[in-house]
Amino acid sequence: MEFGKATGDYILFVDSDDYINLNLLTYLSYYMEQQIDLIKFKLNRVNQKGEIIEKIKGAVFEKTDGQTAFDQLYGTDILLDSPCIYLYKKDYLLRNGFQFQVGTYHEDFGLIPLVVVRAESVISLDYEGYYYIQSENSITRNEDYNKTIKKMRDSLLQYDNMLQRIQQYNLRKRTKENVKIYYTNAIILKLKELKEEDKKFFIHE
């Protein structure tokens, strides 16, 4: 995905089977005028009738830098790496050369935490702007075990990329450790999808 093809000053991601609050961009326009790099809002899981199943919680804070934002979000927001709960300043993405890794699984996991931590300005709002439609068909179901193995390998690839990238950033020691903790915990949680012999291999990796 080439962010440079976007014609606006800000970029928003919406999956084809989800929807946003009709007033979302109007509400966020005040913060866009302040030229904030990353504007975060809330997501609700809903059923196909639009009834709320779950409201995703997470830290709410005024404008701050990306490192402070990550330190507040990484332990409170289970969707920190979801692209659809942020409004991105296009110039910020382009200046830092951010791109999703093509041909890999978990490219969101690989990119979005770095987008957060690198930002000069981030705000997290208590505003329900995104509605993720969850049905039986949209719940992740994977019967192809080879695909499960590839997802695990790609998660490790994203982890290795993170280690390289954070060495290039001037991060505080605490934030750097928090980034590593976030990525490590996410990979550990994926181990439950593996057979026992594969678990041992990937734990070693």
N, C-alpha and C. Protein backbone atom coordinates (compact mmCIF):
# COMPACT_ATOMS: atom_id res chain seq x y z
N MET A 1 0.84 -1.19 0.00
CA MET A 1 0.00 0.00 0.00
C MET A 1 0.88 1.24 0.00
N GLU A 2 0.65 2.13 -0.97
CA GLU A 2 1.45 3.34 -1.09
C GLU A 2 0.66 4.53 -0.55
N PHE A 3 1.08 5.01 0.62
CA PHE A 3 0.36 6.11 1.27
C PHE A 3 0.42 7.37 0.43
N GLY A 4 1.46 7.51 -0.40
CA GLY A 4 1.61 8.71 -1.22
C GLY A 4 0.51 8.89 -2.25
N LYS A 5 -0.23 7.82 -2.55
CA LYS A 5 -1.33 7.93 -3.52
C LYS A 5 -2.56 8.61 -2.93
N ALA A 6 -2.62 8.71 -1.60
CA ALA A 6 -3.75 9.38 -0.96
C ALA A 6 -3.71 10.87 -1.30
N THR A 7 -4.87 11.47 -1.52
CA THR A 7 -4.93 12.88 -1.93
C THR A 7 -5.18 13.83 -0.77
N GLY A 8 -5.60 13.31 0.37
CA GLY A 8 -5.88 14.17 1.52
C GLY A 8 -4.68 14.33 2.43
N ASP A 9 -4.84 15.15 3.45
CA ASP A 9 -3.78 15.37 4.43
C ASP A 9 -3.74 14.28 5.48
N TYR A 10 -4.86 13.58 5.68
CA TYR A 10 -4.95 12.50 6.66
C TYR A 10 -5.48 11.24 6.00
N ILE A 11 -5.13 10.09 6.59
CA ILE A 11 -5.51 8.78 6.07
C ILE A 11 -6.28 8.01 7.13
N LEU A 12 -7.38 7.39 6.71
CA LEU A 12 -8.22 6.58 7.59
C LEU A 12 -8.47 5.23 6.91
N PHE A 13 -8.36 4.15 7.67
CA PHE A 13 -8.62 2.81 7.13
C PHE A 13 -9.99 2.33 7.60
N VAL A 14 -10.79 1.82 6.65
CA VAL A 14 -12.09 1.23 6.98
C VAL A 14 -12.23 -0.07 6.19
N ASP A 15 -12.36 -1.19 6.87
CA ASP A 15 -12.57 -2.46 6.18
C ASP A 15 -13.93 -2.46 5.49
N SER A 16 -14.02 -3.24 4.42
CA SER A 16 -15.21 -3.18 3.57
C SER A 16 -16.50 -3.63 4.27
N ASP A 17 -16.38 -4.47 5.29
CA ASP A 17 -17.60 -4.94 5.98
C ASP A 17 -17.83 -4.24 7.31
N ASP A 18 -17.07 -3.19 7.61
CA ASP A 18 -17.26 -2.40 8.83
C ASP A 18 -17.80 -1.03 8.48
N TYR A 19 -18.01 -0.18 9.51
CA TYR A 19 -18.46 1.19 9.25
C TYR A 19 -17.98 2.11 10.36
N ILE A 20 -18.03 3.41 10.09
CA ILE A 20 -17.59 4.40 11.06
C ILE A 20 -18.77 5.26 11.49
N ASN A 21 -18.61 5.93 12.60
CA ASN A 21 -19.58 6.93 13.05
C ASN A 21 -19.66 8.03 11.99
N LEU A 22 -20.87 8.38 11.58
CA LEU A 22 -21.04 9.39 10.54
C LEU A 22 -20.42 10.73 10.90
N ASN A 23 -20.27 10.99 12.19
CA ASN A 23 -19.72 12.26 12.65
C ASN A 23 -18.22 12.17 12.98
N LEU A 24 -17.60 11.03 12.66
CA LEU A 24 -16.23 10.82 13.09
C LEU A 24 -15.28 11.91 12.57
N LEU A 25 -15.27 12.13 11.27
CA LEU A 25 -14.31 13.08 10.70
C LEU A 25 -14.62 14.52 11.10
N THR A 26 -15.90 14.82 11.28
CA THR A 26 -16.27 16.15 11.77
C THR A 26 -15.72 16.35 13.17
N TYR A 27 -15.86 15.31 14.00
CA TYR A 27 -15.37 15.39 15.37
C TYR A 27 -13.84 15.52 15.40
N LEU A 28 -13.17 14.81 14.50
CA LEU A 28 -11.71 14.80 14.51
C LEU A 28 -11.10 16.01 13.81
N SER A 29 -11.92 16.79 13.10
CA SER A 29 -11.39 17.92 12.33
C SER A 29 -10.66 18.93 13.22
N TYR A 30 -11.13 19.10 14.46
CA TYR A 30 -10.48 20.02 15.40
C TYR A 30 -9.02 19.60 15.63
N TYR A 31 -8.81 18.29 15.74
CA TYR A 31 -7.46 17.77 16.02
C TYR A 31 -6.62 17.76 14.75
N MET A 32 -7.26 17.59 13.61
CA MET A 32 -6.53 17.69 12.34
C MET A 32 -5.99 19.09 12.13
N GLU A 33 -6.76 20.08 12.54
CA GLU A 33 -6.31 21.47 12.42
C GLU A 33 -5.06 21.73 13.25
N GLN A 34 -4.87 20.92 14.31
CA GLN A 34 -3.68 21.05 15.14
C GLN A 34 -2.49 20.28 14.57
N GLN A 35 -2.69 19.62 13.43
CA GLN A 35 -1.62 18.90 12.75
C GLN A 35 -1.02 17.79 13.60
N ILE A 36 -1.86 17.10 14.36
CA ILE A 36 -1.40 15.98 15.19
C ILE A 36 -1.08 14.79 14.30
N ASP A 37 0.05 14.14 14.55
CA ASP A 37 0.49 13.03 13.71
C ASP A 37 -0.48 11.86 13.74
N LEU A 38 -0.97 11.52 14.94
CA LEU A 38 -1.75 10.31 15.12
C LEU A 38 -2.91 10.58 16.08
N ILE A 39 -4.12 10.37 15.59
CA ILE A 39 -5.33 10.64 16.37
C ILE A 39 -6.05 9.31 16.60
N LYS A 40 -6.13 8.88 17.84
CA LYS A 40 -6.72 7.58 18.17
C LYS A 40 -8.13 7.75 18.72
N PHE A 41 -9.00 6.80 18.36
CA PHE A 41 -10.37 6.81 18.86
C PHE A 41 -10.79 5.39 19.22
N LYS A 42 -12.01 5.22 19.67
CA LYS A 42 -12.46 3.93 20.19
C LYS A 42 -13.15 3.08 19.13
N LEU A 43 -13.12 1.76 19.36
CA LEU A 43 -13.79 0.79 18.50
C LEU A 43 -14.80 0.00 19.31
N ASN A 44 -15.95 -0.26 18.70
CA ASN A 44 -16.95 -1.15 19.26
C ASN A 44 -17.10 -2.37 18.36
N ARG A 45 -17.15 -3.54 18.97
CA ARG A 45 -17.53 -4.74 18.23
C ARG A 45 -19.06 -4.81 18.20
N VAL A 46 -19.64 -5.01 17.03
CA VAL A 46 -21.10 -5.06 16.91
C VAL A 46 -21.49 -6.30 16.11
N ASN A 47 -22.75 -6.74 16.31
CA ASN A 47 -23.25 -7.84 15.48
C ASN A 47 -23.84 -7.27 14.19
N GLN A 48 -24.39 -8.12 13.37
CA GLN A 48 -24.87 -7.68 12.06
C GLN A 48 -26.13 -6.82 12.15
N LYS A 49 -26.73 -6.77 13.34
CA LYS A 49 -27.87 -5.87 13.56
C LYS A 49 -27.42 -4.50 14.08
N GLY A 50 -26.12 -4.34 14.30
CA GLY A 50 -25.61 -3.09 14.83
C GLY A 50 -25.63 -3.00 16.33
N GLU A 51 -25.94 -4.11 16.99
CA GLU A 51 -25.99 -4.12 18.46
C GLU A 51 -24.58 -4.31 19.01
N ILE A 52 -24.23 -3.54 20.01
CA ILE A 52 -22.87 -3.57 20.56
C ILE A 52 -22.63 -4.86 21.34
N ILE A 53 -21.58 -5.57 20.95
CA ILE A 53 -21.15 -6.78 21.64
C ILE A 53 -20.11 -6.45 22.70
N GLU A 54 -19.19 -5.56 22.34
CA GLU A 54 -18.10 -5.21 23.24
C GLU A 54 -17.58 -3.82 22.90
N LYS A 55 -17.33 -3.03 23.94
CA LYS A 55 -16.66 -1.75 23.77
C LYS A 55 -15.20 -1.93 24.18
N ILE A 56 -14.30 -1.67 23.24
CA ILE A 56 -12.87 -1.86 23.50
C ILE A 56 -12.34 -0.68 24.30
N LYS A 57 -11.80 -0.98 25.44
CA LYS A 57 -11.27 0.06 26.33
C LYS A 57 -9.82 0.37 25.98
N GLY A 58 -9.27 1.32 26.69
CA GLY A 58 -7.87 1.70 26.49
C GLY A 58 -7.62 3.08 27.05
N ALA A 59 -6.36 3.42 27.20
CA ALA A 59 -5.99 4.70 27.80
C ALA A 59 -6.51 5.87 26.96
N VAL A 60 -6.94 6.91 27.65
CA VAL A 60 -7.37 8.18 27.04
C VAL A 60 -6.45 9.27 27.56
N PHE A 61 -5.91 10.09 26.64
CA PHE A 61 -4.99 11.13 27.10
C PHE A 61 -4.95 12.29 26.09
N GLU A 62 -4.51 13.43 26.59
CA GLU A 62 -4.34 14.62 25.75
C GLU A 62 -3.08 14.46 24.89
N LYS A 63 -2.82 15.43 24.05
CA LYS A 63 -1.69 15.34 23.12
C LYS A 63 -0.38 15.11 23.88
N THR A 64 0.37 14.14 23.39
CA THR A 64 1.65 13.81 23.99
C THR A 64 2.55 13.27 22.88
N ASP A 65 3.76 12.89 23.24
CA ASP A 65 4.66 12.32 22.24
C ASP A 65 4.39 10.82 22.09
N GLY A 66 4.91 10.22 21.02
CA GLY A 66 4.62 8.83 20.71
C GLY A 66 5.12 7.85 21.74
N GLN A 67 6.27 8.12 22.33
CA GLN A 67 6.80 7.20 23.34
C GLN A 67 5.91 7.16 24.58
N THR A 68 5.50 8.33 25.04
CA THR A 68 4.61 8.38 26.19
C THR A 68 3.27 7.73 25.86
N ALA A 69 2.80 7.95 24.64
CA ALA A 69 1.54 7.34 24.20
C ALA A 69 1.65 5.82 24.22
N PHE A 70 2.72 5.29 23.67
CA PHE A 70 2.89 3.84 23.66
C PHE A 70 2.97 3.28 25.07
N ASP A 71 3.70 3.96 25.94
CA ASP A 71 3.83 3.49 27.32
C ASP A 71 2.48 3.40 28.02
N GLN A 72 1.52 4.23 27.61
CA GLN A 72 0.19 4.19 28.21
C GLN A 72 -0.71 3.17 27.52
N LEU A 73 -0.51 2.96 26.23
CA LEU A 73 -1.41 2.11 25.46
C LEU A 73 -1.06 0.63 25.50
N TYR A 74 0.23 0.31 25.58
CA TYR A 74 0.63 -1.07 25.31
C TYR A 74 0.06 -2.07 26.32
N GLY A 75 -0.23 -1.64 27.52
CA GLY A 75 -0.78 -2.54 28.53
C GLY A 75 -2.27 -2.39 28.76
N THR A 76 -2.92 -1.46 28.01
CA THR A 76 -4.34 -1.20 28.27
C THR A 76 -5.24 -1.41 27.06
N ASP A 77 -4.67 -1.43 25.86
CA ASP A 77 -5.49 -1.47 24.66
C ASP A 77 -5.16 -2.71 23.84
N ILE A 78 -6.10 -3.65 23.77
CA ILE A 78 -5.84 -4.92 23.08
C ILE A 78 -5.78 -4.75 21.57
N LEU A 79 -6.20 -3.60 21.06
CA LEU A 79 -6.18 -3.36 19.63
C LEU A 79 -5.15 -2.29 19.25
N LEU A 80 -4.12 -2.14 20.04
CA LEU A 80 -3.12 -1.12 19.77
C LEU A 80 -2.60 -1.20 18.34
N ASP A 81 -2.46 -2.42 17.79
CA ASP A 81 -1.86 -2.57 16.46
C ASP A 81 -2.90 -2.62 15.34
N SER A 82 -4.14 -2.27 15.63
CA SER A 82 -5.17 -2.25 14.59
C SER A 82 -5.13 -0.93 13.83
N PRO A 83 -4.96 -0.96 12.50
CA PRO A 83 -4.87 0.30 11.74
C PRO A 83 -6.14 1.14 11.76
N CYS A 84 -7.28 0.51 12.01
CA CYS A 84 -8.56 1.20 11.80
C CYS A 84 -8.99 2.08 12.97
N ILE A 85 -8.20 2.17 14.04
CA ILE A 85 -8.60 3.00 15.18
C ILE A 85 -7.75 4.26 15.28
N TYR A 86 -7.08 4.61 14.18
CA TYR A 86 -6.27 5.82 14.14
C TYR A 86 -6.59 6.62 12.89
N LEU A 87 -6.40 7.92 13.01
CA LEU A 87 -6.35 8.80 11.85
C LEU A 87 -4.91 9.26 11.72
N TYR A 88 -4.30 9.06 10.54
CA TYR A 88 -2.87 9.26 10.34
C TYR A 88 -2.61 10.50 9.50
N LYS A 89 -1.69 11.33 9.94
CA LYS A 89 -1.25 12.43 9.11
C LYS A 89 -0.37 11.86 8.00
N LYS A 90 -0.79 12.06 6.77
CA LYS A 90 -0.09 11.45 5.64
C LYS A 90 1.38 11.84 5.58
N ASP A 91 1.66 13.11 5.79
CA ASP A 91 3.04 13.58 5.72
C ASP A 91 3.92 12.87 6.73
N TYR A 92 3.38 12.57 7.90
CA TYR A 92 4.13 11.85 8.93
C TYR A 92 4.49 10.45 8.45
N LEU A 93 3.54 9.74 7.84
CA LEU A 93 3.82 8.40 7.33
C LEU A 93 4.88 8.43 6.24
N LEU A 94 4.78 9.41 5.35
CA LEU A 94 5.72 9.48 4.22
C LEU A 94 7.13 9.85 4.69
N ARG A 95 7.23 10.81 5.61
CA ARG A 95 8.54 11.25 6.08
C ARG A 95 9.33 10.12 6.74
N ASN A 96 8.61 9.20 7.35
CA ASN A 96 9.27 8.10 8.06
C ASN A 96 9.35 6.82 7.23
N GLY A 97 8.85 6.88 6.01
CA GLY A 97 8.95 5.72 5.12
C GLY A 97 8.17 4.50 5.60
N PHE A 98 7.07 4.73 6.31
CA PHE A 98 6.28 3.61 6.82
C PHE A 98 5.54 2.93 5.67
N GLN A 99 5.60 1.59 5.66
CA GLN A 99 4.87 0.78 4.70
C GLN A 99 4.53 -0.56 5.35
N PHE A 100 3.36 -1.10 4.99
CA PHE A 100 3.03 -2.46 5.41
C PHE A 100 3.90 -3.43 4.59
N GLN A 101 4.37 -4.50 5.24
CA GLN A 101 5.19 -5.49 4.54
C GLN A 101 4.31 -6.36 3.66
N VAL A 102 4.52 -6.28 2.36
CA VAL A 102 3.71 -7.02 1.40
C VAL A 102 4.06 -8.51 1.47
N GLY A 103 3.04 -9.35 1.36
CA GLY A 103 3.26 -10.79 1.30
C GLY A 103 3.45 -11.47 2.64
N THR A 104 3.23 -10.75 3.73
CA THR A 104 3.37 -11.34 5.06
C THR A 104 2.06 -11.23 5.82
N TYR A 105 1.88 -12.15 6.75
CA TYR A 105 0.77 -12.05 7.68
C TYR A 105 1.18 -11.13 8.83
N HIS A 106 0.19 -10.62 9.53
CA HIS A 106 0.40 -9.77 10.72
C HIS A 106 1.22 -8.52 10.40
N GLU A 107 1.01 -7.98 9.20
CA GLU A 107 1.71 -6.74 8.83
C GLU A 107 1.27 -5.56 9.69
N ASP A 108 0.03 -5.60 10.20
CA ASP A 108 -0.43 -4.56 11.13
C ASP A 108 0.39 -4.60 12.42
N PHE A 109 0.55 -5.79 12.95
CA PHE A 109 1.35 -6.02 14.15
C PHE A 109 2.78 -5.53 13.95
N GLY A 110 3.29 -5.70 12.73
CA GLY A 110 4.65 -5.30 12.45
C GLY A 110 4.86 -3.81 12.32
N LEU A 111 3.80 -3.09 11.93
CA LEU A 111 3.97 -1.67 11.61
C LEU A 111 3.38 -0.70 12.63
N ILE A 112 2.13 -0.91 13.02
CA ILE A 112 1.40 0.12 13.77
C ILE A 112 2.06 0.50 15.10
N PRO A 113 2.56 -0.45 15.92
CA PRO A 113 3.25 -0.01 17.14
C PRO A 113 4.42 0.92 16.87
N LEU A 114 5.13 0.69 15.76
CA LEU A 114 6.25 1.57 15.41
C LEU A 114 5.76 2.94 14.96
N VAL A 115 4.60 2.96 14.29
CA VAL A 115 4.00 4.24 13.90
C VAL A 115 3.65 5.05 15.15
N VAL A 116 3.14 4.36 16.17
CA VAL A 116 2.78 5.05 17.41
C VAL A 116 4.03 5.62 18.09
N VAL A 117 5.01 4.77 18.29
CA VAL A 117 6.17 5.15 19.12
C VAL A 117 7.03 6.21 18.45
N ARG A 118 6.97 6.30 17.14
CA ARG A 118 7.81 7.24 16.39
C ARG A 118 7.18 8.64 16.29
N ALA A 119 5.89 8.76 16.57
CA ALA A 119 5.17 10.01 16.34
C ALA A 119 5.64 11.12 17.27
N GLU A 120 5.63 12.33 16.75
CA GLU A 120 5.93 13.50 17.58
C GLU A 120 4.71 13.91 18.40
N SER A 121 3.52 13.62 17.89
CA SER A 121 2.30 14.00 18.62
C SER A 121 1.22 12.94 18.43
N VAL A 122 0.63 12.52 19.54
CA VAL A 122 -0.44 11.52 19.56
C VAL A 122 -1.49 11.97 20.56
N ILE A 123 -2.75 11.75 20.23
CA ILE A 123 -3.83 11.98 21.18
C ILE A 123 -4.76 10.78 21.14
N SER A 124 -5.28 10.38 22.29
CA SER A 124 -6.19 9.24 22.38
C SER A 124 -7.51 9.72 22.96
N LEU A 125 -8.56 9.62 22.15
CA LEU A 125 -9.85 10.21 22.50
C LEU A 125 -10.86 9.16 22.97
N ASP A 126 -11.71 9.57 23.88
CA ASP A 126 -12.79 8.71 24.34
C ASP A 126 -14.00 8.93 23.43
N TYR A 127 -13.85 8.55 22.18
CA TYR A 127 -14.90 8.77 21.17
C TYR A 127 -15.08 7.47 20.38
N GLU A 128 -16.31 6.99 20.34
CA GLU A 128 -16.61 5.72 19.66
C GLU A 128 -16.80 5.99 18.17
N GLY A 129 -15.72 5.76 17.42
CA GLY A 129 -15.74 6.15 16.02
C GLY A 129 -15.82 5.00 15.03
N TYR A 130 -15.42 3.79 15.45
CA TYR A 130 -15.33 2.67 14.51
C TYR A 130 -16.18 1.51 15.00
N TYR A 131 -16.85 0.85 14.06
CA TYR A 131 -17.73 -0.27 14.39
C TYR A 131 -17.30 -1.49 13.59
N TYR A 132 -16.77 -2.46 14.32
CA TYR A 132 -16.29 -3.70 13.72
C TYR A 132 -17.40 -4.74 13.77
N ILE A 133 -17.88 -5.16 12.61
CA ILE A 133 -18.97 -6.12 12.54
C ILE A 133 -18.41 -7.52 12.73
N GLN A 134 -18.88 -8.18 13.78
CA GLN A 134 -18.40 -9.52 14.09
C GLN A 134 -19.53 -10.52 13.93
N SER A 135 -19.35 -11.44 13.01
CA SER A 135 -20.30 -12.53 12.81
C SER A 135 -19.50 -13.82 12.84
N GLU A 136 -20.18 -14.95 12.73
CA GLU A 136 -19.47 -16.23 12.74
C GLU A 136 -18.49 -16.31 11.59
N ASN A 137 -18.84 -15.70 10.48
CA ASN A 137 -17.97 -15.74 9.30
C ASN A 137 -16.74 -14.85 9.47
N SER A 138 -16.84 -13.82 10.32
CA SER A 138 -15.72 -12.88 10.46
C SER A 138 -14.77 -13.26 11.58
N ILE A 139 -15.19 -14.23 12.42
CA ILE A 139 -14.28 -14.71 13.47
C ILE A 139 -13.20 -15.55 12.80
N THR A 140 -11.96 -15.31 13.19
CA THR A 140 -10.85 -16.00 12.54
C THR A 140 -10.96 -17.51 12.73
N ARG A 141 -11.04 -18.22 11.61
CA ARG A 141 -11.05 -19.67 11.63
C ARG A 141 -10.03 -20.14 10.60
N ASN A 142 -9.12 -20.99 11.02
CA ASN A 142 -8.05 -21.40 10.13
C ASN A 142 -7.84 -22.90 10.23
N GLU A 143 -8.23 -23.62 9.20
CA GLU A 143 -8.08 -25.07 9.19
C GLU A 143 -6.82 -25.50 8.45
N ASP A 144 -6.09 -24.57 7.88
CA ASP A 144 -4.86 -24.87 7.15
C ASP A 144 -3.69 -24.69 8.10
N TYR A 145 -3.14 -25.79 8.58
CA TYR A 145 -2.08 -25.69 9.58
C TYR A 145 -0.80 -25.11 8.99
N ASN A 146 -0.56 -25.34 7.70
CA ASN A 146 0.61 -24.73 7.05
C ASN A 146 0.52 -23.21 7.10
N LYS A 147 -0.71 -22.70 6.98
CA LYS A 147 -0.89 -21.25 7.07
C LYS A 147 -0.62 -20.77 8.51
N THR A 148 -1.01 -21.58 9.48
CA THR A 148 -0.74 -21.24 10.87
C THR A 148 0.76 -21.14 11.12
N ILE A 149 1.53 -22.07 10.55
CA ILE A 149 2.98 -22.04 10.69
C ILE A 149 3.55 -20.79 10.02
N LYS A 150 3.06 -20.46 8.83
CA LYS A 150 3.55 -19.25 8.15
C LYS A 150 3.24 -18.01 8.97
N LYS A 151 2.06 -17.95 9.56
CA LYS A 151 1.71 -16.80 10.40
C LYS A 151 2.68 -16.67 11.56
N MET A 152 3.08 -17.81 12.14
CA MET A 152 4.01 -17.77 13.25
C MET A 152 5.38 -17.30 12.77
N ARG A 153 5.83 -17.80 11.63
CA ARG A 153 7.12 -17.37 11.08
C ARG A 153 7.10 -15.88 10.75
N ASP A 154 5.99 -15.41 10.19
CA ASP A 154 5.88 -14.00 9.85
C ASP A 154 5.85 -13.13 11.10
N SER A 155 5.26 -13.64 12.18
CA SER A 155 5.28 -12.90 13.45
C SER A 155 6.72 -12.70 13.93
N LEU A 156 7.53 -13.75 13.80
CA LEU A 156 8.94 -13.63 14.18
C LEU A 156 9.68 -12.68 13.25
N LEU A 157 9.31 -12.69 11.97
CA LEU A 157 9.91 -11.75 11.02
C LEU A 157 9.60 -10.31 11.43
N GLN A 158 8.34 -10.07 11.83
CA GLN A 158 7.95 -8.74 12.29
C GLN A 158 8.71 -8.37 13.57
N TYR A 159 8.93 -9.35 14.42
CA TYR A 159 9.68 -9.11 15.67
C TYR A 159 11.12 -8.70 15.36
N ASP A 160 11.75 -9.43 14.44
CA ASP A 160 13.14 -9.10 14.07
C ASP A 160 13.23 -7.72 13.44
N ASN A 161 12.25 -7.39 12.62
CA ASN A 161 12.22 -6.05 12.01
C ASN A 161 12.09 -4.98 13.08
N MET A 162 11.26 -5.25 14.08
CA MET A 162 11.09 -4.30 15.18
C MET A 162 12.41 -4.06 15.90
N LEU A 163 13.17 -5.13 16.17
CA LEU A 163 14.44 -4.99 16.86
C LEU A 163 15.40 -4.09 16.09
N GLN A 164 15.38 -4.23 14.77
CA GLN A 164 16.24 -3.37 13.95
C GLN A 164 15.77 -1.93 13.96
N ARG A 165 14.46 -1.75 13.84
CA ARG A 165 13.93 -0.39 13.73
C ARG A 165 14.12 0.41 15.01
N ILE A 166 13.88 -0.22 16.17
CA ILE A 166 13.97 0.55 17.41
C ILE A 166 15.41 0.94 17.72
N GLN A 167 16.39 0.23 17.14
CA GLN A 167 17.78 0.65 17.31
C GLN A 167 18.06 1.93 16.54
N GLN A 168 17.26 2.20 15.51
CA GLN A 168 17.43 3.40 14.71
C GLN A 168 16.71 4.61 15.34
N TYR A 169 15.77 4.32 16.25
CA TYR A 169 15.02 5.38 16.89
C TYR A 169 15.69 5.79 18.20
N ASN A 170 15.55 7.03 18.57
CA ASN A 170 16.12 7.51 19.82
C ASN A 170 15.07 7.35 20.92
N LEU A 171 14.92 6.10 21.37
CA LEU A 171 13.88 5.79 22.35
C LEU A 171 14.43 5.78 23.78
N ARG A 172 13.57 6.16 24.71
CA ARG A 172 13.92 6.03 26.11
C ARG A 172 14.04 4.54 26.45
N LYS A 173 14.87 4.22 27.43
CA LYS A 173 15.10 2.82 27.79
C LYS A 173 13.79 2.13 28.17
N ARG A 174 12.96 2.81 28.93
CA ARG A 174 11.70 2.20 29.37
C ARG A 174 10.81 1.89 28.17
N THR A 175 10.70 2.84 27.25
CA THR A 175 9.83 2.64 26.09
C THR A 175 10.36 1.51 25.22
N LYS A 176 11.65 1.45 25.01
CA LYS A 176 12.25 0.39 24.20
C LYS A 176 11.92 -0.97 24.80
N GLU A 177 12.01 -1.10 26.13
CA GLU A 177 11.68 -2.36 26.78
C GLU A 177 10.18 -2.67 26.65
N ASN A 178 9.34 -1.65 26.74
CA ASN A 178 7.90 -1.86 26.59
C ASN A 178 7.53 -2.35 25.20
N VAL A 179 8.21 -1.82 24.19
CA VAL A 179 7.97 -2.27 22.82
C VAL A 179 8.32 -3.75 22.69
N LYS A 180 9.46 -4.14 23.24
CA LYS A 180 9.88 -5.54 23.20
C LYS A 180 8.88 -6.43 23.94
N ILE A 181 8.42 -5.96 25.10
CA ILE A 181 7.45 -6.72 25.88
C ILE A 181 6.17 -6.92 25.08
N TYR A 182 5.70 -5.86 24.45
CA TYR A 182 4.46 -5.93 23.68
C TYR A 182 4.56 -6.97 22.57
N TYR A 183 5.63 -6.91 21.80
CA TYR A 183 5.81 -7.86 20.69
C TYR A 183 5.99 -9.28 21.20
N THR A 184 6.77 -9.44 22.27
CA THR A 184 7.02 -10.78 22.81
C THR A 184 5.73 -11.42 23.32
N ASN A 185 4.94 -10.67 24.07
CA ASN A 185 3.69 -11.22 24.60
C ASN A 185 2.74 -11.61 23.48
N ALA A 186 2.69 -10.80 22.42
CA ALA A 186 1.79 -11.11 21.29
C ALA A 186 2.18 -12.43 20.64
N ILE A 187 3.48 -12.67 20.50
CA ILE A 187 3.95 -13.92 19.89
C ILE A 187 3.69 -15.10 20.82
N ILE A 188 3.92 -14.93 22.10
CA ILE A 188 3.66 -16.01 23.06
C ILE A 188 2.20 -16.44 23.02
N LEU A 189 1.29 -15.48 22.90
CA LEU A 189 -0.13 -15.81 22.84
C LEU A 189 -0.47 -16.64 21.61
N LYS A 190 0.28 -16.47 20.54
CA LYS A 190 0.02 -17.22 19.32
C LYS A 190 0.48 -18.67 19.42
N LEU A 191 1.31 -18.98 20.39
CA LEU A 191 1.82 -20.35 20.54
C LEU A 191 0.69 -21.36 20.77
N LYS A 192 -0.42 -20.92 21.35
CA LYS A 192 -1.51 -21.85 21.65
C LYS A 192 -2.13 -22.44 20.39
N GLU A 193 -1.86 -21.84 19.23
CA GLU A 193 -2.40 -22.33 17.97
C GLU A 193 -1.55 -23.45 17.38
N LEU A 194 -0.40 -23.74 18.01
CA LEU A 194 0.55 -24.69 17.44
C LEU A 194 0.48 -26.06 18.11
N LYS A 195 0.91 -27.07 17.37
CA LYS A 195 1.09 -28.40 17.93
C LYS A 195 2.29 -28.38 18.87
N GLU A 196 2.34 -29.37 19.76
CA GLU A 196 3.31 -29.34 20.84
C GLU A 196 4.75 -29.30 20.32
N GLU A 197 5.06 -30.10 19.29
CA GLU A 197 6.43 -30.13 18.79
C GLU A 197 6.82 -28.80 18.13
N ASP A 198 5.83 -28.14 17.50
CA ASP A 198 6.10 -26.84 16.88
C ASP A 198 6.23 -25.75 17.94
N LYS A 199 5.50 -25.88 19.03
CA LYS A 199 5.64 -24.93 20.13
C LYS A 199 7.08 -24.90 20.62
N LYS A 200 7.67 -26.08 20.81
CA LYS A 200 9.04 -26.16 21.32
C LYS A 200 10.01 -25.45 20.36
N PHE A 201 9.80 -25.69 19.06
CA PHE A 201 10.68 -25.08 18.06
C PHE A 201 10.59 -23.56 18.11
N PHE A 202 9.36 -23.03 18.13
CA PHE A 202 9.20 -21.58 18.07
C PHE A 202 9.53 -20.90 19.39
N ILE A 203 9.38 -21.60 20.51
CA ILE A 203 9.85 -21.06 21.80
C ILE A 203 11.36 -20.89 21.74
N HIS A 204 12.07 -21.88 21.16
CA HIS A 204 13.50 -21.77 21.00
C HIS A 204 13.87 -20.60 20.10
N GLU A 205 13.13 -20.44 19.01
CA GLU A 205 13.39 -19.32 18.09
C GLU A 205 13.21 -17.99 18.80
